[in-house]
Amino acid sequence: MLWQAAQKNLDEGCTEEAIASLRLADRADLSRREHMDILMALVGALWSSNPAAAEPELDRLLAAIRAESPADIPEQYQCFLLFMVLWFGRYADADETFKWSSGCDDTDTASSMAALRVTRQWVTFLKPMLIHDFPGQDVPDGEVDGLWAANLEHGLQLSVDELGMEIGHLQDPRQMADFSPDAMHLLSPSNHFWFAYAYACRIVWALAARGESEAADRLCGALFTAADKLNMKTPCAVALSMRAYIRCRHGDFTTAIDLAGAALRSIPPRGWGVAIGLPLSVLVAAHTAVGRLEEAQRYVDYWVPKEMFDSVVGLEYLRSRGQYCLATNRPYAALNDFMASGMLIDQWPVDFGDLAPWRVDAAEAYLRVHEPAEAKRLALEELKLSPDRPLSTRGRALRILAMAEDPDKRRLLLYQSAKCLREQGDRYELARTLAELSQDYLSTGETQQARTTWHEAQKLMDECGMSAQHESARARRGGC
């Protein structure tokens, strides 16, 4: 009865009541499987409310599993455990749990396959090195498109009755999923949310990396609404952070700061685990972009777990910290962070080049240390890859190449950079290109054209919440 009451409370968003019921049920005389069910649900409920409180219960759960044969644990539970230990950066436990999951022979049922697909999405971002040997096939990147986003946005808004067998479409809208009756436990509101949540997070990142910020932002909104309806604070915080990340990439720094700040305050710092780098990276990058360097420093000083740097979140954090180092006249420290990003990407079996174009970042740092030849080499390398990259990345690479080239070649490259950035709608990077173009006009005595171009750049800076004075100072230091 307590278990049923807890599940009902979770589905209705009464998380604290559910946790109380689960703690009472945990004291009852139960079979091993029943006790495991209770502990799993308790860890999940605590994580969704206050992750820091979930970790001690996770220790109990792992100890209980180790005391018996882990082969008896259902696949979907093993996958849930893998997510939890990765979230907290407990990689020794992750290796052990991963062996339980990958060594299980029972992966043919719909529920097992669904659990594996969901977990693969988390592993891709929390510990990419594990993906190489992960069971099951990933979704080709070419299939991560607006159709997927629309399906997930729709799915997150469905009730359980409306959802029915449509849960299969959340995996791939082009195929009918063959769900057997043992998969139907996934269709309670709270469990349905978890299924869609992993795919939503994956697609948000993919869309954002490709510059499709509008679709990514809408999907984040649906994700937050669904989590908020279930009173899941942690998924709400992650959704806010992702939305902040999208706004930051789009140049809406004021909104990005508000969203990321709200996310960071909503759960205790230690509860974030390796994911703390997501709101922090946005806050560092956005404050740096608008010239609030003291505020950026405050977030750079936050404690982060070293395991974060084995995740995609760590990749974003390195980029943001590198940009902060550039803005505070520490180009060698910035170069170290950007090159570290490149080494991580080269090691991982998943390509995150769209998400973190480290060559462009490093090229900018090389310009600051007066090594234009190295900057030019990296910019050209990025441009060779750019047919498969977002236009914003190509636009940045062209601007850096312009600043590394002889002055007589600079203007045409800046024109091309501005064209790419206009098409992409990247206001922040376009403002920076136009600022450089204005300087180029000024150097040849074309003062009227320089003034017109600067006014356009200044308008874009105002829209982004940037300081024109800060951008002028950056240009004088040799920034690009």
Protein backbone atom coordinates (compact mmCIF):
# COMPACT_ATOMS: atom_id res chain seq x y z
CA MET A 1 0.00 0.00 0.00
CA LEU A 2 2.81 2.41 0.87
CA TRP A 3 4.51 1.62 -2.46
CA GLN A 4 1.31 2.34 -4.37
CA ALA A 5 0.77 5.55 -2.41
CA ALA A 6 4.32 6.65 -3.16
CA GLN A 7 3.91 5.99 -6.90
CA LYS A 8 0.62 7.89 -6.92
CA ASN A 9 2.26 10.82 -5.12
CA LEU A 10 5.16 10.86 -7.59
CA ASP A 11 2.75 10.88 -10.53
CA GLU A 12 0.87 13.79 -8.97
CA GLY A 13 4.01 15.79 -8.21
CA CYS A 14 3.82 15.28 -4.44
CA THR A 15 7.49 14.37 -4.13
CA GLU A 16 7.97 14.97 -0.39
CA GLU A 17 4.92 12.84 0.45
CA ALA A 18 6.25 10.11 -1.86
CA ILE A 19 9.65 10.18 -0.13
CA ALA A 20 7.97 9.86 3.29
CA SER A 21 5.94 6.85 2.10
CA LEU A 22 9.02 5.22 0.60
CA ARG A 23 11.04 5.66 3.79
CA LEU A 24 8.27 3.99 5.77
CA ALA A 25 8.00 1.17 3.23
CA ASP A 26 11.76 0.67 3.43
CA ARG A 27 11.40 -0.36 7.07
CA ALA A 28 8.83 -3.06 6.32
CA ASP A 29 9.54 -6.80 6.13
CA LEU A 30 9.90 -7.16 2.36
CA SER A 31 11.27 -9.61 -0.14
CA ARG A 32 14.65 -8.76 -1.72
CA ARG A 33 13.00 -7.63 -4.98
CA GLU A 34 10.43 -5.51 -3.15
CA HIS A 35 13.13 -3.92 -1.03
CA MET A 36 15.11 -3.17 -4.18
CA ASP A 37 12.07 -1.57 -5.81
CA ILE A 38 11.58 0.68 -2.80
CA LEU A 39 15.23 1.73 -2.65
CA MET A 40 15.33 2.44 -6.39
CA ALA A 41 12.24 4.60 -6.15
CA LEU A 42 13.59 6.39 -3.07
CA VAL A 43 16.90 7.23 -4.76
CA GLY A 44 15.05 8.53 -7.83
CA ALA A 45 12.61 10.62 -5.80
CA LEU A 46 15.38 12.11 -3.67
CA TRP A 47 17.48 12.89 -6.73
CA SER A 48 14.60 14.72 -8.38
CA SER A 49 14.08 16.80 -5.22
CA ASN A 50 17.54 17.18 -3.64
CA PRO A 51 20.32 15.12 -5.26
CA ALA A 52 22.69 15.62 -2.32
CA ALA A 53 20.25 13.66 -0.14
CA ALA A 54 20.09 10.83 -2.69
CA GLU A 55 23.75 9.84 -2.54
CA PRO A 56 23.69 8.12 0.90
CA GLU A 57 20.67 6.05 -0.22
CA LEU A 58 22.53 5.23 -3.44
CA ASP A 59 25.34 3.79 -1.30
CA ARG A 60 22.82 1.57 0.50
CA LEU A 61 21.33 0.46 -2.78
CA LEU A 62 24.68 -0.47 -4.31
CA ALA A 63 25.66 -2.36 -1.16
CA ALA A 64 22.40 -4.31 -1.26
CA ILE A 65 22.96 -5.26 -4.91
CA ARG A 66 26.56 -6.32 -4.33
CA ALA A 67 25.45 -8.54 -1.43
CA GLU A 68 23.46 -10.62 -3.92
CA SER A 69 23.92 -11.45 -7.59
CA PRO A 70 23.49 -8.28 -9.70
CA ALA A 71 22.45 -10.49 -12.62
CA ASP A 72 18.98 -10.68 -11.05
CA ILE A 73 18.48 -6.92 -11.29
CA PRO A 74 16.25 -5.87 -14.21
CA GLU A 75 18.02 -4.11 -17.07
CA GLN A 76 16.13 -0.87 -16.60
CA TYR A 77 17.24 -0.73 -12.95
CA GLN A 78 20.88 -1.31 -13.85
CA CYS A 79 20.64 1.52 -16.37
CA PHE A 80 19.11 3.79 -13.75
CA LEU A 81 22.01 3.02 -11.42
CA LEU A 82 24.51 3.80 -14.16
CA PHE A 83 22.96 7.22 -14.64
CA MET A 84 23.05 7.94 -10.91
CA VAL A 85 26.69 7.02 -10.36
CA LEU A 86 27.73 8.98 -13.47
CA TRP A 87 25.80 12.03 -12.29
CA PHE A 88 27.81 12.03 -9.06
CA GLY A 89 31.07 11.35 -10.89
CA ARG A 90 31.60 8.01 -9.16
CA TYR A 91 33.48 6.37 -11.98
CA ALA A 92 34.68 3.31 -10.08
CA ASP A 93 31.05 2.49 -9.32
CA ALA A 94 30.17 3.39 -12.92
CA ASP A 95 32.65 0.84 -14.30
CA GLU A 96 31.11 -1.83 -12.09
CA THR A 97 27.54 -0.89 -12.98
CA PHE A 98 28.44 -0.68 -16.65
CA LYS A 99 29.63 -4.29 -16.54
CA TRP A 100 26.31 -5.31 -15.03
CA SER A 101 24.44 -3.55 -17.84
CA SER A 102 26.62 -4.59 -20.77
CA GLY A 103 26.94 -8.14 -19.51
CA CYS A 104 23.23 -8.76 -19.24
CA ASP A 105 21.85 -11.20 -21.82
CA ASP A 106 18.24 -10.12 -21.43
CA THR A 107 18.22 -7.10 -23.77
CA ASP A 108 15.61 -8.26 -26.26
CA THR A 109 12.48 -7.10 -24.47
CA ALA A 110 11.03 -3.70 -25.27
CA SER A 111 11.54 -2.47 -21.71
CA SER A 112 15.20 -3.51 -21.73
CA MET A 113 15.83 -1.90 -25.09
CA ALA A 114 14.06 1.28 -23.98
CA ALA A 115 16.19 1.40 -20.83
CA LEU A 116 19.38 0.95 -22.86
CA ARG A 117 18.42 3.66 -25.34
CA VAL A 118 17.61 6.13 -22.58
CA THR A 119 20.82 5.37 -20.69
CA ARG A 120 22.92 5.72 -23.81
CA GLN A 121 21.78 9.34 -24.09
CA TRP A 122 22.99 10.07 -20.55
CA VAL A 123 26.26 8.19 -20.96
CA THR A 124 27.00 10.14 -24.16
CA PHE A 125 27.19 13.36 -22.16
CA LEU A 126 28.22 12.24 -18.69
CA LYS A 127 31.01 9.79 -19.67
CA PRO A 128 31.54 9.60 -23.45
CA MET A 129 34.43 7.15 -23.14
CA LEU A 130 31.96 4.45 -22.07
CA ILE A 131 29.98 4.70 -25.31
CA HIS A 132 32.42 2.68 -27.39
CA ASP A 133 31.43 -0.62 -25.72
CA PHE A 134 27.86 0.30 -24.84
CA PRO A 135 25.25 -2.22 -26.01
CA GLY A 136 22.75 -1.18 -28.67
CA GLN A 137 23.03 1.25 -31.53
CA ASP A 138 22.95 5.00 -31.25
CA VAL A 139 20.75 7.20 -33.40
CA PRO A 140 22.60 8.62 -36.43
CA ASP A 141 23.25 12.34 -36.04
CA GLY A 142 21.47 12.99 -39.33
CA GLU A 143 18.22 11.85 -37.75
CA VAL A 144 18.40 14.37 -34.90
CA ASP A 145 16.27 17.02 -36.51
CA GLY A 146 13.24 19.24 -36.02
CA LEU A 147 10.88 16.29 -36.50
CA TRP A 148 12.35 14.58 -33.47
CA ALA A 149 12.11 17.81 -31.48
CA ALA A 150 8.46 18.24 -32.45
CA ASN A 151 7.64 14.65 -31.47
CA LEU A 152 9.31 15.04 -28.10
CA GLU A 153 7.73 18.40 -27.45
CA HIS A 154 4.37 16.79 -28.22
CA GLY A 155 5.14 13.70 -26.12
CA LEU A 156 6.14 15.67 -23.06
CA GLN A 157 2.71 17.34 -23.07
CA LEU A 158 0.67 14.12 -23.36
CA SER A 159 -1.22 12.53 -20.53
CA VAL A 160 -0.68 8.82 -19.91
CA ASP A 161 -3.96 7.89 -21.62
CA GLU A 162 -3.16 10.07 -24.62
CA LEU A 163 0.36 8.71 -24.76
CA GLY A 164 -0.66 5.07 -25.13
CA MET A 165 1.76 3.25 -27.38
CA GLU A 166 3.12 6.55 -28.74
CA ILE A 167 6.00 6.19 -26.33
CA GLY A 168 7.72 4.30 -29.14
CA HIS A 169 7.69 7.41 -31.30
CA LEU A 170 9.77 9.21 -28.69
CA GLN A 171 12.58 6.87 -29.68
CA ASP A 172 12.21 7.37 -33.44
CA PRO A 173 9.19 8.97 -35.12
CA ARG A 174 9.95 7.06 -38.32
CA GLN A 175 9.45 3.63 -36.78
CA MET A 176 6.70 1.91 -34.83
CA ALA A 177 8.17 0.57 -31.60
CA ASP A 178 7.25 -2.98 -30.69
CA PHE A 179 6.40 -2.58 -27.02
CA SER A 180 5.36 -5.67 -25.12
CA PRO A 181 3.18 -5.60 -21.98
CA ASP A 182 6.22 -5.69 -19.68
CA ALA A 183 7.17 -2.23 -20.95
CA MET A 184 3.93 -0.63 -19.83
CA HIS A 185 5.39 0.22 -16.39
CA LEU A 186 7.16 3.01 -18.27
CA LEU A 187 3.84 4.70 -18.91
CA SER A 188 3.16 6.23 -15.54
CA PRO A 189 3.57 10.02 -15.76
CA SER A 190 6.82 10.10 -13.78
CA ASN A 191 8.39 7.19 -15.68
CA HIS A 192 7.15 8.43 -19.04
CA PHE A 193 8.83 11.72 -18.24
CA TRP A 194 12.17 10.00 -17.63
CA PHE A 195 11.97 8.24 -20.98
CA ALA A 196 11.31 11.43 -22.91
CA TYR A 197 13.67 13.49 -20.75
CA ALA A 198 16.85 11.73 -21.87
CA TYR A 199 15.99 12.09 -25.54
CA ALA A 200 14.92 15.69 -25.09
CA CYS A 201 18.26 16.57 -23.49
CA ARG A 202 20.18 14.87 -26.30
CA ILE A 203 18.20 16.64 -29.01
CA VAL A 204 18.43 20.04 -27.31
CA TRP A 205 22.21 19.78 -27.35
CA ALA A 206 22.27 18.58 -30.96
CA LEU A 207 19.95 21.34 -32.18
CA ALA A 208 21.85 24.00 -30.25
CA ALA A 209 25.17 22.83 -31.68
CA ARG A 210 23.74 23.09 -35.19
CA GLY A 211 22.44 26.57 -34.56
CA GLU A 212 18.73 25.60 -34.53
CA SER A 213 18.15 27.60 -31.37
CA GLU A 214 14.41 28.22 -31.83
CA ALA A 215 13.51 24.51 -31.93
CA ALA A 216 15.91 23.78 -29.06
CA ASP A 217 14.43 26.58 -26.96
CA ARG A 218 10.86 25.35 -27.50
CA LEU A 219 11.83 21.82 -26.54
CA CYS A 220 13.51 23.12 -23.38
CA GLY A 221 10.30 24.94 -22.52
CA ALA A 222 8.29 21.73 -22.88
CA LEU A 223 10.86 19.86 -20.81
CA PHE A 224 10.70 22.40 -17.99
CA THR A 225 6.87 22.44 -18.00
CA ALA A 226 6.70 18.64 -17.79
CA ALA A 227 9.25 18.53 -14.95
CA ASP A 228 7.56 21.37 -13.10
CA LYS A 229 4.19 19.63 -13.32
CA LEU A 230 5.76 16.64 -11.55
CA ASN A 231 7.53 18.94 -9.06
CA MET A 232 10.94 17.55 -10.07
CA LYS A 233 13.38 20.26 -8.99
CA THR A 234 16.52 18.73 -10.45
CA PRO A 235 15.15 18.11 -13.96
CA CYS A 236 13.70 21.65 -13.80
CA ALA A 237 17.15 23.00 -12.97
CA VAL A 238 18.74 21.06 -15.84
CA ALA A 239 16.07 22.34 -18.24
CA LEU A 240 16.67 25.93 -17.08
CA SER A 241 20.42 25.46 -17.55
CA MET A 242 20.01 24.09 -21.06
CA ARG A 243 17.70 26.94 -21.97
CA ALA A 244 20.28 29.37 -20.58
CA TYR A 245 22.93 27.68 -22.71
CA ILE A 246 20.80 28.13 -25.83
CA ARG A 247 20.15 31.80 -25.07
CA CYS A 248 23.84 32.36 -24.43
CA ARG A 249 24.78 30.85 -27.79
CA HIS A 250 22.17 33.08 -29.42
CA GLY A 251 23.63 36.20 -27.79
CA ASP A 252 20.79 36.82 -25.32
CA PHE A 253 23.15 37.16 -22.38
CA THR A 254 20.78 38.90 -19.96
CA THR A 255 18.23 36.09 -20.17
CA ALA A 256 20.98 33.46 -20.08
CA ILE A 257 22.35 34.91 -16.83
CA ASP A 258 18.88 35.00 -15.24
CA LEU A 259 18.05 31.41 -16.22
CA ALA A 260 21.42 29.92 -15.27
CA GLY A 261 21.43 31.80 -11.96
CA ALA A 262 17.95 30.50 -11.12
CA ALA A 263 19.03 26.97 -11.98
CA LEU A 264 22.19 27.14 -9.86
CA ARG A 265 20.24 28.41 -6.84
CA SER A 266 17.50 25.81 -7.09
CA ILE A 267 19.51 22.83 -5.79
CA PRO A 268 22.56 22.64 -3.48
CA PRO A 269 25.94 22.88 -5.28
CA ARG A 270 27.08 19.40 -4.21
CA GLY A 271 23.83 17.95 -5.51
CA TRP A 272 24.68 18.97 -9.07
CA GLY A 273 27.43 16.40 -9.39
CA VAL A 274 29.33 16.71 -12.68
CA ALA A 275 26.42 18.67 -14.18
CA ILE A 276 27.30 21.76 -12.15
CA GLY A 277 29.46 22.83 -15.07
CA LEU A 278 26.36 23.48 -17.17
CA PRO A 279 24.97 26.53 -15.29
CA LEU A 280 28.49 27.64 -14.34
CA SER A 281 29.74 27.60 -17.93
CA VAL A 282 26.81 29.77 -19.01
CA LEU A 283 27.32 32.24 -16.15
CA VAL A 284 31.05 32.53 -16.84
CA ALA A 285 30.57 32.89 -20.61
CA ALA A 286 27.68 35.36 -20.43
CA HIS A 287 29.21 37.61 -17.78
CA THR A 288 32.50 37.58 -19.71
CA ALA A 289 30.75 38.50 -22.95
CA VAL A 290 29.05 41.54 -21.42
CA GLY A 291 32.20 42.68 -19.64
CA ARG A 292 31.20 41.83 -16.05
CA LEU A 293 34.50 40.17 -15.32
CA GLU A 294 34.25 40.32 -11.52
CA GLU A 295 30.95 38.42 -11.69
CA ALA A 296 32.50 35.91 -14.09
CA GLN A 297 35.40 35.43 -11.64
CA ARG A 298 32.92 34.58 -8.89
CA TYR A 299 31.64 31.61 -10.88
CA VAL A 300 35.11 30.56 -12.02
CA ASP A 301 35.96 30.25 -8.31
CA TYR A 302 33.10 27.78 -7.68
CA TRP A 303 34.10 24.29 -6.64
CA VAL A 304 33.73 21.72 -9.43
CA PRO A 305 34.47 17.98 -9.26
CA LYS A 306 37.49 16.84 -11.28
CA GLU A 307 35.30 14.12 -12.85
CA MET A 308 33.34 16.87 -14.60
CA PHE A 309 36.20 17.19 -17.10
CA ASP A 310 35.47 13.69 -18.41
CA SER A 311 32.01 14.85 -19.51
CA VAL A 312 30.62 17.08 -22.24
CA VAL A 313 29.64 19.50 -19.50
CA GLY A 314 33.34 19.81 -18.69
CA LEU A 315 34.01 20.60 -22.33
CA GLU A 316 31.68 23.61 -22.17
CA TYR A 317 33.18 24.70 -18.88
CA LEU A 318 36.71 24.67 -20.36
CA ARG A 319 35.53 26.83 -23.27
CA SER A 320 33.87 29.36 -20.97
CA ARG A 321 36.85 29.53 -18.63
CA GLY A 322 39.15 29.95 -21.61
CA GLN A 323 37.11 32.90 -22.88
CA TYR A 324 37.26 34.43 -19.40
CA CYS A 325 41.07 34.01 -19.37
CA LEU A 326 41.28 35.77 -22.74
CA ALA A 327 39.18 38.65 -21.44
CA THR A 328 41.42 39.02 -18.37
CA ASN A 329 44.65 39.09 -20.40
CA ARG A 330 45.77 35.51 -19.68
CA PRO A 331 45.98 34.13 -23.23
CA TYR A 332 48.30 31.24 -22.33
CA ALA A 333 45.89 30.00 -19.68
CA ALA A 334 43.10 30.30 -22.25
CA LEU A 335 45.13 28.39 -24.81
CA ASN A 336 45.69 25.62 -22.27
CA ASP A 337 41.91 25.25 -21.72
CA PHE A 338 41.13 25.31 -25.45
CA MET A 339 43.79 22.73 -26.29
CA ALA A 340 42.55 20.54 -23.43
CA SER A 341 39.10 20.65 -25.06
CA GLY A 342 40.62 19.47 -28.31
CA MET A 343 42.40 16.57 -26.63
CA LEU A 344 39.16 15.47 -24.97
CA ILE A 345 37.25 15.55 -28.25
CA ASP A 346 39.98 13.56 -30.00
CA GLN A 347 39.82 10.86 -27.32
CA TRP A 348 36.05 10.42 -27.33
CA PRO A 349 34.27 8.04 -29.73
CA VAL A 350 31.52 10.64 -30.25
CA ASP A 351 32.21 13.79 -32.31
CA PHE A 352 31.39 16.98 -30.39
CA GLY A 353 33.14 19.32 -32.80
CA ASP A 354 29.94 21.26 -33.53
CA LEU A 355 29.40 21.81 -29.83
CA ALA A 356 32.94 22.92 -29.02
CA PRO A 357 34.90 24.22 -32.04
CA TRP A 358 38.19 24.18 -30.14
CA ARG A 359 40.32 25.06 -33.18
CA VAL A 360 38.60 28.43 -33.51
CA ASP A 361 38.95 29.08 -29.79
CA ALA A 362 42.64 28.17 -29.81
CA ALA A 363 43.26 30.24 -32.96
CA GLU A 364 41.87 33.29 -31.18
CA ALA A 365 44.26 32.68 -28.28
CA TYR A 366 47.21 32.29 -30.66
CA LEU A 367 46.43 35.71 -32.12
CA ARG A 368 46.61 37.15 -28.62
CA VAL A 369 50.10 35.69 -28.07
CA HIS A 370 51.22 37.07 -31.44
CA GLU A 371 51.44 33.78 -33.30
CA PRO A 372 49.33 34.54 -36.40
CA ALA A 373 50.78 31.62 -38.40
CA GLU A 374 49.45 29.10 -35.86
CA ALA A 375 46.14 30.95 -35.67
CA LYS A 376 45.86 30.84 -39.46
CA ARG A 377 46.65 27.11 -39.54
CA LEU A 378 43.90 26.26 -37.03
CA ALA A 379 41.36 28.57 -38.69
CA LEU A 380 42.01 26.92 -42.05
CA GLU A 381 41.66 23.47 -40.48
CA GLU A 382 38.27 24.49 -39.10
CA LEU A 383 37.18 25.90 -42.46
CA LYS A 384 37.97 22.56 -44.12
CA LEU A 385 35.53 20.96 -41.68
CA SER A 386 32.97 23.76 -41.92
CA PRO A 387 30.67 22.29 -44.65
CA ASP A 388 29.43 20.04 -41.82
CA ARG A 389 29.61 22.77 -39.16
CA PRO A 390 27.15 25.53 -38.22
CA LEU A 391 27.52 28.80 -40.13
CA SER A 392 28.38 30.58 -36.88
CA THR A 393 31.51 28.45 -36.51
CA ARG A 394 32.50 29.18 -40.10
CA GLY A 395 31.86 32.89 -39.51
CA ARG A 396 34.14 32.91 -36.47
CA ALA A 397 36.87 31.02 -38.31
CA LEU A 398 36.73 33.51 -41.20
CA ARG A 399 37.04 36.46 -38.83
CA ILE A 400 40.07 34.96 -37.11
CA LEU A 401 41.62 34.11 -40.46
CA ALA A 402 41.08 37.73 -41.50
CA MET A 403 42.95 38.99 -38.46
CA ALA A 404 45.79 36.54 -39.10
CA GLU A 405 46.14 37.55 -42.76
CA ASP A 406 47.85 40.53 -44.35
CA PRO A 407 45.75 43.73 -44.16
CA ASP A 408 45.02 43.74 -47.90
CA LYS A 409 43.27 40.34 -47.61
CA ARG A 410 41.39 41.16 -44.46
CA ARG A 411 38.29 42.95 -45.70
CA LEU A 412 36.99 40.24 -48.04
CA LEU A 413 37.29 37.64 -45.27
CA LEU A 414 35.42 39.92 -42.86
CA TYR A 415 32.66 40.37 -45.46
CA GLN A 416 32.38 36.58 -45.75
CA SER A 417 32.36 36.22 -41.97
CA ALA A 418 29.55 38.76 -41.62
CA LYS A 419 27.53 36.99 -44.33
CA CYS A 420 27.73 33.64 -42.51
CA LEU A 421 26.84 35.16 -39.16
CA ARG A 422 23.88 37.08 -40.57
CA GLU A 423 22.50 33.92 -42.13
CA GLN A 424 22.91 32.06 -38.84
CA GLY A 425 21.38 34.91 -36.82
CA ASP A 426 24.35 34.98 -34.43
CA ARG A 427 24.12 38.56 -33.13
CA TYR A 428 27.06 38.35 -30.74
CA GLU A 429 29.62 37.05 -33.22
CA LEU A 430 28.25 39.33 -35.96
CA ALA A 431 28.76 42.34 -33.67
CA ARG A 432 32.38 41.31 -33.15
CA THR A 433 32.97 40.89 -36.89
CA LEU A 434 31.39 44.26 -37.65
CA ALA A 435 33.56 45.89 -34.97
CA GLU A 436 36.65 44.54 -36.73
CA LEU A 437 35.30 45.61 -40.11
CA SER A 438 34.72 49.11 -38.76
CA GLN A 439 38.35 49.23 -37.63
CA ASP A 440 39.46 48.07 -41.08
CA TYR A 441 37.47 50.87 -42.75
CA LEU A 442 39.00 53.36 -40.33
CA SER A 443 42.53 52.19 -41.13
CA THR A 444 42.01 53.11 -44.80
CA GLY A 445 40.40 56.47 -44.03
CA GLU A 446 36.82 55.43 -44.92
CA THR A 447 35.38 57.17 -41.90
CA GLN A 448 31.75 57.29 -43.01
CA GLN A 449 31.65 53.55 -43.74
CA ALA A 450 33.50 52.90 -40.49
CA ARG A 451 30.91 54.93 -38.56
CA THR A 452 27.94 53.20 -40.23
CA THR A 453 29.38 49.76 -39.58
CA TRP A 454 30.23 50.60 -35.98
CA HIS A 455 26.68 51.86 -35.34
CA GLU A 456 25.29 48.55 -36.60
CA ALA A 457 27.72 46.67 -34.38
CA GLN A 458 26.75 48.84 -31.42
CA LYS A 459 23.05 48.16 -32.00
CA LEU A 460 23.71 44.41 -31.95
CA MET A 461 25.79 44.78 -28.78
CA ASP A 462 22.91 46.61 -27.11
CA GLU A 463 20.55 43.79 -28.07
CA CYS A 464 22.95 41.27 -26.54
CA GLY A 465 23.44 43.31 -23.37
CA MET A 466 27.10 43.90 -24.24
CA SER A 467 29.17 46.97 -23.49
CA ALA A 468 30.48 48.69 -26.62
CA GLN A 469 33.32 50.04 -24.47
CA HIS A 470 34.26 46.50 -23.44
CA GLU A 471 34.24 45.33 -27.06
CA SER A 472 36.40 48.28 -28.13
CA ALA A 473 38.91 47.42 -25.42
CA ARG A 474 38.92 43.80 -26.58
CA ALA A 475 39.64 44.91 -30.16
CA ARG A 476 42.51 47.14 -28.99
CA ARG A 477 44.03 44.16 -27.12
CA GLY A 478 43.99 42.19 -30.35
CA GLY A 479 40.86 40.18 -29.68
CA CYS A 480 38.77 38.86 -32.59
